[in-house]
Amino acid sequence: MTSLTLSYPLKFPQHTTLRHQLDMLRELALQAAQQLLEALWSDHWIDALDSNRNNKAYKVVNEKRVILTTSQGKPVYLPSRIRRCIAEQVGRILRSQAIRKQCYFDVLRIVQITGVEENLDSLVRTVAFTLANFEGKYYRWALIRQTLRTFRRYYYQLGLDLSVLKQFPYTAVVTPQIRSFILPYSPDEGQVIQYDWQPEKDPFTIRISLKVPQCAQPSQRSHWTWQECILSIPAQIHQRISSSTSKLCAPTLRYLTLKSGLTLPFLECAWSFNPDTQHNVQLQTQYSALQANRVLATDLGVINLTTSVICEAGSQLSTPLFWSPSHTVLQKIDSLYHHIARLQRKLDRYLVNWYGQGKRQQELERLYRKLNRYREEILHLASNQLLKTALKWGCKTIVLEDLRTYQPPKHKRKLSRKLSNWLRGALYDILKYKAKHFGIRIVRVNPRWTSSYCPRCGAKGEKISDPRSRHAIQRGRFFQCSACCYLADRDYIAAINIYRVYQELRNKRFRLKSAKPVPYMATGIPLNRPSGDSTPLSRVSG
């Protein structure tokens, strides 16, 4: 039975001596890791670690390779347990470069034909859909964008022909750099970071022992000592780890960047559990039993970010459920995109070592951190809303539209920015991770033509701008059936048709217009709203 692992960062107490020692440990580990990465940075080591994914990274990268020297050439003493953790971290970095290396050569093969003079957003879209539709390879758009920026830098700043890059290995073009610090526990569990948690005596505190240096450049074993500290466990986290099916794992030392830009040490406390066994009790007390045939069909949009309906056995059980973040948050995200675009144009225009480029790069990293916080907040709110609805109605399955090959309309930059927060797999990944904890299955279906066919009679309809005027428009927000005159919001229509597609998945020659229509809740057509009704038009559902 598969187990899950969750984690929570525990903040260190504001102890001046311990904080100073942790900062020295961070600097030593980063320097040693950077020197080891530069020494092993080759295609041979990337392929070797990628082919040995079943083994831990430090078993492929020997700890004896970790050698740290000062600027004066003096050796720095590092305990074997610290060197083993550094070897594990560098090995993980090299192993993660395998997918980047594959993406690098796949994108290079395409841009040799298309060139890199095109607009960057259009070029990313062209490369992504070419790889997905003709070769069946799916890469994250952020990875493709980063690869294309590397090619454009060589093309514009150095005037290098892209066909020449094919003759060089991947590691000769890309420069390695370690920016984040992590001290993994997996290679040497219980020796670098030791913990003692006694739930019978003191369940809300955990005692930690760390191996830290006493000086900035330790030269012998006596310069390393053990330091102890007591960390407090929040009540909600204690409730999860104190379950009979949970098992506390060895923690990991990390440095996290706060909103203010301040970097502080945290201890990532992890625990493993069995999701089916642990959550069955909660389902019996808080929610109704999950129905095997009950489905939450969801459409992802722009105005309504999620539109859901609950269906079972070919019938609709609920009215449409709409959710979207506040308009203020969307405006902040849009303004961040404008600011990032201005900085990126300046970074692409000038060389890296020119005056002011360092400050621009720092500002760009700060803006990206802020943008990622907004994205993560919206994604977690949307996934929590979908899970809450599914548990409330007892749905065993959540059906989403598969938007990995979706292409936003041309000349719709603002729309593409909004879609990029949702349609690149982030919501699916987060929802799948959380749904596994509750025993709910996530399924993706092809959304083609789901907002163009009537769920009542199955005929193809038209898009209109407003329920009253009913003028046909290409990007209309409402749907009208030309056969039975059914009128409803397009997102609502798409959600019902997504459930129809899910029902017909076993039919290999499935077409949406041949699927069985799903009965709708309300009858009649909302020609006009009653006077004084303040319900927005986007909520009219038929």
Protein backbone atom coordinates (compact mmCIF):
# COMPACT_ATOMS: atom_id res chain seq x y z
CA MET A 1 0.00 0.00 0.00
CA THR A 2 1.51 3.36 -1.11
CA SER A 3 2.45 5.85 1.62
CA LEU A 4 2.64 9.63 1.39
CA THR A 5 5.13 12.03 2.93
CA LEU A 6 4.26 15.55 4.08
CA SER A 7 6.51 18.17 5.64
CA TYR A 8 6.29 21.38 7.65
CA PRO A 9 9.07 23.96 8.24
CA LEU A 10 9.88 24.55 11.91
CA LYS A 11 11.50 27.89 12.68
CA PHE A 12 14.66 28.01 14.77
CA PRO A 13 14.59 30.11 17.94
CA GLN A 14 16.30 33.48 17.77
CA HIS A 15 19.48 32.30 19.40
CA THR A 16 22.38 34.45 18.22
CA THR A 17 25.11 31.81 18.63
CA LEU A 18 23.18 29.05 16.89
CA ARG A 19 22.09 31.32 14.02
CA HIS A 20 25.70 32.41 13.50
CA GLN A 21 26.93 28.80 13.47
CA LEU A 22 24.21 27.78 11.01
CA ASP A 23 25.22 30.64 8.72
CA MET A 24 28.84 29.44 8.80
CA LEU A 25 27.67 25.88 8.03
CA ARG A 26 25.68 27.20 5.10
CA GLU A 27 28.64 29.09 3.65
CA LEU A 28 30.97 26.09 3.97
CA ALA A 29 28.44 23.70 2.43
CA LEU A 30 27.67 26.05 -0.47
CA GLN A 31 31.36 26.55 -1.27
CA ALA A 32 32.11 22.84 -1.13
CA ALA A 33 29.04 21.98 -3.19
CA GLN A 34 29.91 24.59 -5.83
CA GLN A 35 33.49 23.31 -6.13
CA LEU A 36 32.32 19.71 -6.42
CA LEU A 37 29.67 20.64 -9.01
CA GLU A 38 32.24 22.43 -11.15
CA ALA A 39 34.56 19.43 -10.93
CA LEU A 40 31.85 16.93 -11.92
CA TRP A 41 30.06 19.14 -14.45
CA SER A 42 30.13 16.91 -17.54
CA ASP A 43 27.71 14.90 -19.65
CA HIS A 44 29.32 11.71 -18.35
CA TRP A 45 28.26 12.36 -14.74
CA ILE A 46 24.77 13.48 -15.75
CA ASP A 47 24.20 10.27 -17.70
CA ALA A 48 25.75 8.15 -14.93
CA LEU A 49 23.44 9.55 -12.26
CA ASP A 50 20.42 9.38 -14.55
CA SER A 51 21.06 5.69 -15.27
CA ASN A 52 21.39 4.95 -11.51
CA ARG A 53 18.16 6.49 -10.29
CA ASN A 54 17.40 3.55 -8.03
CA ASN A 55 20.51 4.25 -5.94
CA LYS A 56 21.10 7.26 -3.74
CA ALA A 57 23.17 9.98 -5.34
CA TYR A 58 25.98 9.89 -2.79
CA LYS A 59 26.66 6.25 -3.66
CA VAL A 60 27.46 7.29 -7.23
CA VAL A 61 29.35 10.45 -6.18
CA ASN A 62 31.95 9.40 -3.62
CA GLU A 63 32.19 11.59 -0.52
CA LYS A 64 36.00 11.66 -0.88
CA ARG A 65 35.57 13.93 -3.88
CA VAL A 66 34.28 16.70 -1.59
CA ILE A 67 37.38 18.84 -0.98
CA LEU A 68 37.16 22.44 0.19
CA THR A 69 40.05 24.91 0.15
CA THR A 70 40.16 28.57 1.10
CA SER A 71 41.20 31.46 -1.16
CA GLN A 72 44.72 31.16 0.30
CA GLY A 73 44.87 27.46 -0.63
CA LYS A 74 44.49 26.12 2.91
CA PRO A 75 42.35 22.98 3.33
CA VAL A 76 39.09 23.17 5.31
CA TYR A 77 38.16 20.21 7.47
CA LEU A 78 34.70 18.79 6.83
CA PRO A 79 33.39 15.76 8.74
CA SER A 80 32.61 12.71 6.64
CA ARG A 81 28.91 13.00 7.42
CA ILE A 82 28.86 16.57 6.12
CA ARG A 83 30.77 15.58 2.98
CA ARG A 84 28.33 12.76 2.37
CA CYS A 85 25.39 15.15 2.51
CA ILE A 86 27.12 17.55 0.12
CA ALA A 87 27.78 14.68 -2.30
CA GLU A 88 24.10 13.78 -2.12
CA GLN A 89 23.02 17.34 -2.87
CA VAL A 90 25.37 17.71 -5.87
CA GLY A 91 24.33 14.29 -7.15
CA ARG A 92 20.69 15.30 -7.06
CA ILE A 93 21.48 18.47 -9.01
CA LEU A 94 23.34 16.51 -11.69
CA ARG A 95 20.52 13.97 -11.85
CA SER A 96 17.93 16.70 -12.35
CA GLN A 97 19.91 18.03 -15.34
CA ALA A 98 19.05 14.94 -17.38
CA ILE A 99 15.60 16.24 -18.37
CA ARG A 100 17.07 19.69 -19.05
CA LYS A 101 19.73 18.17 -21.26
CA GLN A 102 17.11 16.29 -23.25
CA CYS A 103 15.00 19.42 -23.61
CA TYR A 104 18.06 21.38 -24.70
CA PHE A 105 18.78 19.18 -27.72
CA ASP A 106 15.09 18.79 -28.64
CA VAL A 107 14.59 22.57 -28.68
CA LEU A 108 17.88 23.10 -30.52
CA ARG A 109 16.75 20.74 -33.27
CA ILE A 110 13.61 22.83 -33.83
CA VAL A 111 15.10 26.33 -33.62
CA GLN A 112 17.68 25.38 -36.23
CA ILE A 113 14.72 25.41 -38.63
CA THR A 114 12.54 28.18 -37.17
CA GLY A 115 15.30 30.49 -35.90
CA VAL A 116 15.18 32.61 -32.74
CA GLU A 117 14.30 36.02 -34.21
CA GLU A 118 10.59 35.51 -33.52
CA ASN A 119 8.86 36.90 -30.44
CA LEU A 120 9.85 34.85 -27.39
CA ASP A 121 6.27 34.02 -26.33
CA SER A 122 5.34 32.91 -29.86
CA LEU A 123 8.54 30.90 -30.14
CA VAL A 124 7.88 29.09 -26.86
CA ARG A 125 4.38 28.25 -28.02
CA THR A 126 5.61 26.98 -31.40
CA VAL A 127 8.31 24.78 -29.88
CA ALA A 128 6.01 23.35 -27.20
CA PHE A 129 3.25 22.36 -29.61
CA THR A 130 5.69 20.98 -32.16
CA LEU A 131 7.26 18.69 -29.57
CA ALA A 132 3.89 17.66 -28.14
CA ASN A 133 1.99 17.04 -31.37
CA PHE A 134 4.70 15.51 -33.58
CA GLU A 135 7.02 13.81 -31.07
CA GLY A 136 4.79 13.26 -28.05
CA LYS A 137 7.21 15.03 -25.69
CA TYR A 138 5.82 17.32 -23.01
CA TYR A 139 8.11 19.84 -21.31
CA ARG A 140 7.19 22.62 -18.97
CA TRP A 141 6.92 25.92 -20.78
CA ALA A 142 9.20 27.56 -18.21
CA LEU A 143 11.93 25.04 -19.10
CA ILE A 144 11.48 25.70 -22.82
CA ARG A 145 11.56 29.45 -22.22
CA GLN A 146 14.78 29.18 -20.22
CA THR A 147 16.40 27.10 -22.97
CA LEU A 148 15.35 29.55 -25.67
CA ARG A 149 16.78 32.47 -23.71
CA THR A 150 20.12 30.66 -23.63
CA PHE A 151 20.04 30.28 -27.41
CA ARG A 152 19.00 33.92 -27.93
CA ARG A 153 21.85 35.10 -25.71
CA TYR A 154 24.40 33.23 -27.80
CA TYR A 155 22.76 34.41 -31.02
CA TYR A 156 22.34 38.13 -30.27
CA GLN A 157 25.24 38.89 -27.92
CA LEU A 158 27.93 36.65 -29.44
CA GLY A 159 26.59 36.33 -32.97
CA LEU A 160 26.99 32.55 -32.84
CA ASP A 161 25.21 30.37 -35.39
CA LEU A 162 22.88 27.92 -33.67
CA SER A 163 24.05 25.04 -35.86
CA VAL A 164 27.46 25.34 -34.17
CA LEU A 165 25.95 24.60 -30.74
CA LYS A 166 25.09 21.10 -31.87
CA GLN A 167 28.79 20.27 -31.93
CA PHE A 168 29.29 21.20 -28.25
CA PRO A 169 28.13 19.10 -25.29
CA TYR A 170 25.37 20.37 -23.04
CA THR A 171 27.71 21.10 -20.13
CA ALA A 172 29.94 23.31 -22.32
CA VAL A 173 27.07 25.73 -22.99
CA VAL A 174 25.28 25.78 -19.61
CA THR A 175 27.12 27.05 -16.51
CA PRO A 176 26.36 25.35 -13.17
CA GLN A 177 25.48 27.44 -10.12
CA ILE A 178 24.05 26.55 -6.70
CA ARG A 179 21.82 29.23 -5.22
CA SER A 180 19.81 27.44 -2.54
CA PHE A 181 21.17 25.57 0.47
CA ILE A 182 19.85 22.22 1.66
CA LEU A 183 21.37 19.66 4.00
CA PRO A 184 19.59 16.40 3.12
CA TYR A 185 19.21 13.75 5.77
CA SER A 186 18.73 10.76 3.45
CA PRO A 187 22.40 9.77 2.88
CA ASP A 188 23.38 9.80 6.54
CA GLU A 189 20.13 9.62 8.48
CA GLY A 190 20.37 10.41 12.15
CA GLN A 191 24.03 11.50 12.19
CA VAL A 192 24.14 15.05 10.81
CA ILE A 193 20.75 16.02 12.26
CA GLN A 194 19.53 14.08 15.26
CA TYR A 195 16.07 14.52 16.73
CA ASP A 196 14.30 13.34 19.86
CA TRP A 197 10.50 13.52 20.09
CA GLN A 198 8.70 12.00 23.06
CA PRO A 199 4.93 12.32 22.55
CA GLU A 200 4.16 10.81 25.96
CA LYS A 201 6.12 13.41 27.96
CA ASP A 202 6.19 16.56 25.82
CA PRO A 203 4.24 16.11 22.57
CA PHE A 204 4.46 19.75 21.37
CA THR A 205 8.26 20.09 21.37
CA ILE A 206 11.06 18.33 19.51
CA ARG A 207 14.71 18.32 20.58
CA ILE A 208 17.22 18.79 17.74
CA SER A 209 20.99 18.23 17.70
CA LEU A 210 23.07 19.70 14.86
CA LYS A 211 26.69 19.26 13.87
CA VAL A 212 27.91 22.85 13.32
CA PRO A 213 31.34 24.57 13.03
CA GLN A 214 32.74 26.86 15.71
CA CYS A 215 34.65 29.07 13.26
CA ALA A 216 34.34 30.21 9.67
CA GLN A 217 37.26 28.06 8.45
CA PRO A 218 37.61 24.92 10.62
CA SER A 219 40.90 23.12 10.18
CA GLN A 220 40.49 20.14 12.52
CA ARG A 221 37.86 17.89 14.04
CA SER A 222 37.66 19.77 17.34
CA HIS A 223 36.34 22.83 15.49
CA TRP A 224 33.03 20.99 14.98
CA THR A 225 30.62 20.59 17.89
CA TRP A 226 27.06 19.45 18.54
CA GLN A 227 24.49 22.14 19.32
CA GLU A 228 21.06 21.41 20.77
CA CYS A 229 17.87 23.40 20.48
CA ILE A 230 14.17 22.88 21.20
CA LEU A 231 11.59 23.59 18.49
CA SER A 232 7.87 23.95 19.11
CA ILE A 233 5.35 21.91 17.08
CA PRO A 234 2.03 23.60 16.14
CA ALA A 235 -1.15 21.92 17.31
CA GLN A 236 -2.35 21.09 13.80
CA ILE A 237 0.96 19.45 12.88
CA HIS A 238 1.00 17.52 16.16
CA GLN A 239 -2.46 16.18 15.37
CA ARG A 240 -1.19 14.77 12.07
CA ILE A 241 2.09 13.26 13.22
CA SER A 242 0.60 11.77 16.39
CA SER A 243 -1.69 9.45 14.42
CA SER A 244 -1.14 5.72 14.82
CA THR A 245 -0.38 5.36 11.09
CA SER A 246 2.11 8.27 10.91
CA LYS A 247 5.86 7.88 11.21
CA LEU A 248 8.19 10.79 11.87
CA CYS A 249 11.17 11.00 9.48
CA ALA A 250 14.53 12.62 10.02
CA PRO A 251 14.32 16.37 9.33
CA THR A 252 16.15 18.40 6.69
CA LEU A 253 17.95 21.72 7.19
CA ARG A 254 16.93 24.43 4.72
CA TYR A 255 17.20 28.17 4.27
CA LEU A 256 13.95 29.83 3.18
CA THR A 257 13.54 33.34 1.79
CA LEU A 258 10.75 35.35 3.41
CA LYS A 259 8.60 37.98 1.72
CA SER A 260 10.92 40.72 2.94
CA GLY A 261 13.88 39.02 1.24
CA LEU A 262 15.42 37.91 4.54
CA THR A 263 16.86 34.38 4.48
CA LEU A 264 16.41 32.35 7.67
CA PRO A 265 17.18 28.72 8.61
CA PHE A 266 14.28 26.31 8.98
CA LEU A 267 14.08 22.65 9.86
CA GLU A 268 11.78 20.76 7.51
CA CYS A 269 10.00 18.17 9.65
CA ALA A 270 8.64 15.31 7.53
CA TRP A 271 6.29 12.45 8.37
CA SER A 272 5.00 9.52 6.32
CA PHE A 273 1.54 7.96 6.58
CA ASN A 274 -0.92 5.72 4.79
CA PRO A 275 -3.56 7.99 3.20
CA ASP A 276 -6.31 5.37 2.99
CA THR A 277 -5.99 4.18 6.59
CA GLN A 278 -5.47 7.61 8.14
CA HIS A 279 -8.25 9.43 6.35
CA ASN A 280 -11.02 6.82 6.56
CA VAL A 281 -11.76 7.89 10.12
CA GLN A 282 -11.98 11.55 9.12
CA LEU A 283 -14.32 10.75 6.24
CA GLN A 284 -16.68 8.88 8.52
CA THR A 285 -16.90 11.74 10.98
CA GLN A 286 -16.77 14.83 8.75
CA TYR A 287 -18.02 13.84 5.29
CA SER A 288 -20.43 11.41 3.74
CA ALA A 289 -19.16 8.15 2.25
CA LEU A 290 -17.53 8.49 -1.16
CA GLN A 291 -19.74 7.28 -4.00
CA ALA A 292 -17.94 5.22 -6.62
CA ASN A 293 -19.94 6.64 -9.56
CA ARG A 294 -20.25 10.23 -8.35
CA VAL A 295 -18.07 12.65 -10.33
CA LEU A 296 -17.09 16.30 -9.94
CA ALA A 297 -16.64 17.61 -13.51
CA THR A 298 -14.65 20.86 -13.66
CA ASP A 299 -13.95 23.35 -16.43
CA LEU A 300 -10.97 25.71 -16.13
CA GLY A 301 -11.53 29.20 -17.48
CA VAL A 302 -10.45 32.81 -17.22
CA ILE A 303 -13.44 34.76 -15.87
CA ASN A 304 -14.58 31.76 -13.80
CA LEU A 305 -11.35 29.99 -12.99
CA THR A 306 -13.19 26.81 -11.98
CA THR A 307 -16.75 25.85 -12.94
CA SER A 308 -17.91 22.54 -11.47
CA VAL A 309 -20.98 20.31 -11.54
CA ILE A 310 -21.66 17.08 -9.64
CA CYS A 311 -22.95 14.24 -11.81
CA GLU A 312 -23.82 10.60 -11.20
CA ALA A 313 -25.18 7.85 -13.47
CA GLY A 314 -25.81 10.25 -16.36
CA SER A 315 -27.63 12.86 -14.26
CA GLN A 316 -26.64 16.21 -12.82
CA LEU A 317 -27.04 16.50 -9.06
CA SER A 318 -26.08 20.11 -8.41
CA THR A 319 -26.29 23.56 -9.89
CA PRO A 320 -23.06 24.97 -11.35
CA LEU A 321 -20.46 26.03 -8.79
CA PHE A 322 -18.25 28.97 -9.84
CA TRP A 323 -15.00 30.10 -8.21
CA SER A 324 -12.49 32.81 -9.04
CA PRO A 325 -10.00 34.91 -7.02
CA SER A 326 -10.52 38.57 -6.35
CA HIS A 327 -10.06 41.07 -9.15
CA THR A 328 -7.37 42.85 -7.11
CA VAL A 329 -5.14 39.77 -7.08
CA LEU A 330 -5.44 39.37 -10.86
CA GLN A 331 -4.51 43.04 -11.34
CA LYS A 332 -1.42 42.60 -9.15
CA ILE A 333 -0.34 39.57 -11.18
CA ASP A 334 -0.80 41.51 -14.42
CA SER A 335 1.29 44.44 -13.15
CA LEU A 336 4.04 42.04 -12.07
CA TYR A 337 4.15 40.59 -15.59
CA HIS A 338 4.60 44.10 -17.04
CA HIS A 339 7.46 44.88 -14.65
CA ILE A 340 9.15 41.51 -15.31
CA ALA A 341 8.90 42.02 -19.07
CA ARG A 342 10.64 45.42 -18.87
CA LEU A 343 13.50 44.04 -16.79
CA GLN A 344 13.89 40.98 -19.01
CA ARG A 345 14.18 43.15 -22.13
CA LYS A 346 17.04 45.08 -20.53
CA LEU A 347 18.75 41.89 -19.40
CA ASP A 348 18.53 40.40 -22.90
CA ARG A 349 19.72 43.61 -24.55
CA TYR A 350 23.02 44.05 -22.66
CA LEU A 351 25.82 41.72 -21.61
CA VAL A 352 25.76 40.07 -18.21
CA ASN A 353 28.81 41.94 -16.86
CA TRP A 354 27.61 45.41 -17.88
CA TYR A 355 26.82 48.09 -15.32
CA GLY A 356 23.48 47.63 -13.55
CA GLN A 357 22.82 44.10 -14.76
CA GLY A 358 23.42 42.60 -11.31
CA LYS A 359 20.81 44.84 -9.66
CA ARG A 360 18.36 44.11 -12.45
CA GLN A 361 18.87 40.37 -11.96
CA GLN A 362 18.25 40.68 -8.21
CA GLU A 363 15.10 42.70 -8.82
CA LEU A 364 13.91 40.14 -11.37
CA GLU A 365 14.40 37.31 -8.87
CA ARG A 366 12.45 39.26 -6.25
CA LEU A 367 9.55 39.85 -8.64
CA TYR A 368 9.47 36.19 -9.64
CA ARG A 369 9.34 35.16 -5.98
CA LYS A 370 6.42 37.51 -5.45
CA LEU A 371 4.66 36.23 -8.56
CA ASN A 372 5.14 32.63 -7.48
CA ARG A 373 3.61 33.42 -4.10
CA TYR A 374 0.49 34.78 -5.80
CA ARG A 375 0.34 31.76 -8.09
CA GLU A 376 0.72 29.27 -5.28
CA GLU A 377 -1.91 31.04 -3.20
CA ILE A 378 -4.45 30.95 -6.04
CA LEU A 379 -3.66 27.35 -6.95
CA HIS A 380 -3.99 26.13 -3.37
CA LEU A 381 -7.24 28.02 -2.87
CA ALA A 382 -8.69 26.54 -6.07
CA SER A 383 -7.56 23.00 -5.24
CA ASN A 384 -8.91 23.28 -1.69
CA GLN A 385 -12.24 24.52 -3.02
CA LEU A 386 -12.52 21.57 -5.43
CA LEU A 387 -11.58 19.03 -2.76
CA LYS A 388 -13.99 20.55 -0.26
CA THR A 389 -16.81 20.33 -2.80
CA ALA A 390 -15.92 16.75 -3.77
CA LEU A 391 -15.85 15.61 -0.13
CA LYS A 392 -19.07 17.42 0.70
CA TRP A 393 -20.91 15.66 -2.13
CA GLY A 394 -19.08 12.37 -1.69
CA CYS A 395 -17.41 12.34 -5.13
CA LYS A 396 -14.92 9.57 -5.76
CA THR A 397 -13.56 11.13 -8.98
CA ILE A 398 -12.66 14.66 -10.10
CA VAL A 399 -12.54 15.14 -13.88
CA LEU A 400 -10.51 18.01 -15.35
CA GLU A 401 -9.85 19.05 -18.91
CA ASP A 402 -6.45 18.12 -20.33
CA LEU A 403 -4.95 21.47 -21.38
CA ARG A 404 -1.35 20.44 -21.98
CA THR A 405 -1.70 21.10 -25.71
CA TYR A 406 -4.07 24.06 -25.44
CA GLN A 407 -3.02 27.07 -27.52
CA PRO A 408 -4.31 30.48 -26.36
CA PRO A 409 -5.77 32.78 -29.04
CA LYS A 410 -3.34 34.92 -30.99
CA HIS A 411 -2.83 38.55 -29.97
CA LYS A 412 -4.32 37.81 -26.53
CA ARG A 413 -1.34 38.49 -24.27
CA LYS A 414 -3.41 39.37 -21.20
CA LEU A 415 -5.52 36.24 -21.61
CA SER A 416 -2.41 34.09 -22.04
CA ARG A 417 -0.96 35.46 -18.80
CA LYS A 418 -4.06 34.44 -16.88
CA LEU A 419 -4.14 31.04 -18.53
CA SER A 420 -0.47 30.43 -17.73
CA ASN A 421 -1.33 30.28 -14.02
CA TRP A 422 -3.65 27.31 -14.61
CA LEU A 423 -3.13 25.51 -17.88
CA ARG A 424 0.46 24.33 -17.52
CA GLY A 425 -0.28 21.43 -15.19
CA ALA A 426 0.25 23.22 -11.88
CA LEU A 427 -3.35 22.90 -10.71
CA TYR A 428 -3.47 19.26 -11.79
CA ASP A 429 -0.26 18.42 -9.91
CA ILE A 430 -1.36 20.12 -6.69
CA LEU A 431 -4.87 18.68 -6.86
CA LYS A 432 -3.56 15.18 -7.55
CA TYR A 433 -1.17 15.41 -4.60
CA LYS A 434 -3.92 16.52 -2.22
CA ALA A 435 -6.60 14.19 -3.60
CA LYS A 436 -4.38 11.18 -2.99
CA HIS A 437 -4.46 12.06 0.69
CA PHE A 438 -8.28 11.79 0.62
CA GLY A 439 -8.50 8.74 -1.64
CA ILE A 440 -10.01 10.68 -4.59
CA ARG A 441 -9.06 9.91 -8.19
CA ILE A 442 -8.11 12.67 -10.68
CA VAL A 443 -8.81 12.13 -14.39
CA ARG A 444 -8.02 14.38 -17.36
CA VAL A 445 -10.05 14.28 -20.59
CA ASN A 446 -9.81 15.96 -23.98
CA PRO A 447 -11.77 19.26 -23.79
CA ARG A 448 -12.13 19.74 -27.56
CA TRP A 449 -15.56 21.18 -28.51
CA THR A 450 -16.88 20.81 -24.94
CA SER A 451 -18.27 24.37 -24.93
CA SER A 452 -19.80 24.12 -28.41
CA TYR A 453 -22.35 21.28 -28.09
CA CYS A 454 -25.69 21.36 -26.28
CA PRO A 455 -25.94 19.09 -23.21
CA ARG A 456 -29.73 18.80 -23.68
CA CYS A 457 -30.04 17.58 -27.29
CA GLY A 458 -26.42 17.13 -28.39
CA ALA A 459 -26.63 19.59 -31.30
CA LYS A 460 -23.92 22.13 -32.06
CA GLY A 461 -24.79 25.64 -30.90
CA GLU A 462 -23.44 29.15 -31.26
CA LYS A 463 -21.69 31.62 -29.00
CA ILE A 464 -23.50 34.79 -28.03
CA SER A 465 -22.43 37.89 -26.13
CA ASP A 466 -25.47 38.42 -23.90
CA PRO A 467 -28.60 36.41 -22.97
CA ARG A 468 -30.84 39.35 -23.93
CA SER A 469 -29.36 40.59 -27.19
CA ARG A 470 -28.23 37.14 -28.41
CA HIS A 471 -25.80 38.49 -30.99
CA ALA A 472 -23.47 35.78 -32.29
CA ILE A 473 -19.84 36.53 -31.48
CA GLN A 474 -16.74 34.39 -31.81
CA ARG A 475 -15.57 34.81 -28.19
CA GLY A 476 -19.01 35.06 -26.57
CA ARG A 477 -19.43 34.15 -22.93
CA PHE A 478 -22.79 32.39 -23.40
CA PHE A 479 -24.05 29.43 -25.40
CA GLN A 480 -27.29 29.08 -27.35
CA CYS A 481 -28.47 25.90 -29.01
CA SER A 482 -29.89 26.41 -32.50
CA ALA A 483 -32.00 23.21 -32.23
CA CYS A 484 -33.69 23.39 -28.81
CA CYS A 485 -32.90 27.06 -27.94
CA TYR A 486 -31.16 26.08 -24.71
CA LEU A 487 -29.22 29.03 -23.21
CA ALA A 488 -26.51 28.89 -20.55
CA ASP A 489 -23.04 30.02 -19.54
CA ARG A 490 -20.31 28.45 -21.71
CA ASP A 491 -18.25 27.35 -18.70
CA TYR A 492 -21.29 25.53 -17.33
CA ILE A 493 -21.85 23.86 -20.71
CA ALA A 494 -18.20 22.81 -20.83
CA ALA A 495 -18.35 21.29 -17.33
CA ILE A 496 -21.34 19.11 -18.24
CA ASN A 497 -19.77 18.03 -21.53
CA ILE A 498 -16.53 17.14 -19.73
CA TYR A 499 -18.57 14.64 -17.74
CA ARG A 500 -20.06 13.31 -21.00
CA VAL A 501 -16.57 12.81 -22.39
CA TYR A 502 -15.55 11.01 -19.21
CA GLN A 503 -18.49 8.61 -19.60
CA GLU A 504 -17.45 7.69 -23.12
CA LEU A 505 -13.72 7.22 -22.49
CA ARG A 506 -13.84 3.52 -23.30
CA ASN A 507 -15.12 4.22 -26.80
CA LYS A 508 -11.96 4.59 -28.93
CA ARG A 509 -13.86 6.35 -31.73
CA PHE A 510 -15.60 8.75 -29.39
CA ARG A 511 -17.01 12.04 -30.67
CA LEU A 512 -18.69 14.58 -28.43
CA LYS A 513 -21.78 14.98 -30.60
CA SER A 514 -22.43 11.22 -30.34
CA ALA A 515 -22.25 11.16 -26.53
CA LYS A 516 -25.40 10.77 -24.48
CA PRO A 517 -26.74 14.15 -23.24
CA VAL A 518 -26.76 14.72 -19.50
CA PRO A 519 -30.05 15.88 -17.92
CA TYR A 520 -29.82 19.40 -16.51
CA MET A 521 -31.25 20.61 -13.24
CA ALA A 522 -33.48 23.55 -14.18
CA THR A 523 -35.91 23.59 -17.08
CA GLY A 524 -36.89 26.55 -19.17
CA ILE A 525 -34.84 29.25 -20.85
CA PRO A 526 -33.82 32.44 -18.99
CA LEU A 527 -34.94 34.93 -21.64
CA ASN A 528 -35.06 37.90 -19.26
CA ARG A 529 -34.15 38.27 -15.62
CA PRO A 530 -36.77 39.62 -13.17
CA SER A 531 -36.54 43.31 -12.39
CA GLY A 532 -34.40 44.07 -9.38
CA ASP A 533 -32.45 40.81 -9.70
CA SER A 534 -28.79 41.54 -8.97
CA THR A 535 -27.45 38.15 -10.09
CA PRO A 536 -24.59 38.73 -12.56
CA LEU A 537 -25.10 37.48 -16.09
CA SER A 538 -22.11 35.17 -15.79
CA ARG A 539 -24.07 33.15 -13.21
CA VAL A 540 -27.09 32.45 -15.46
CA SER A 541 -27.10 28.68 -15.88
CA GLY A 542 -30.33 27.79 -17.62
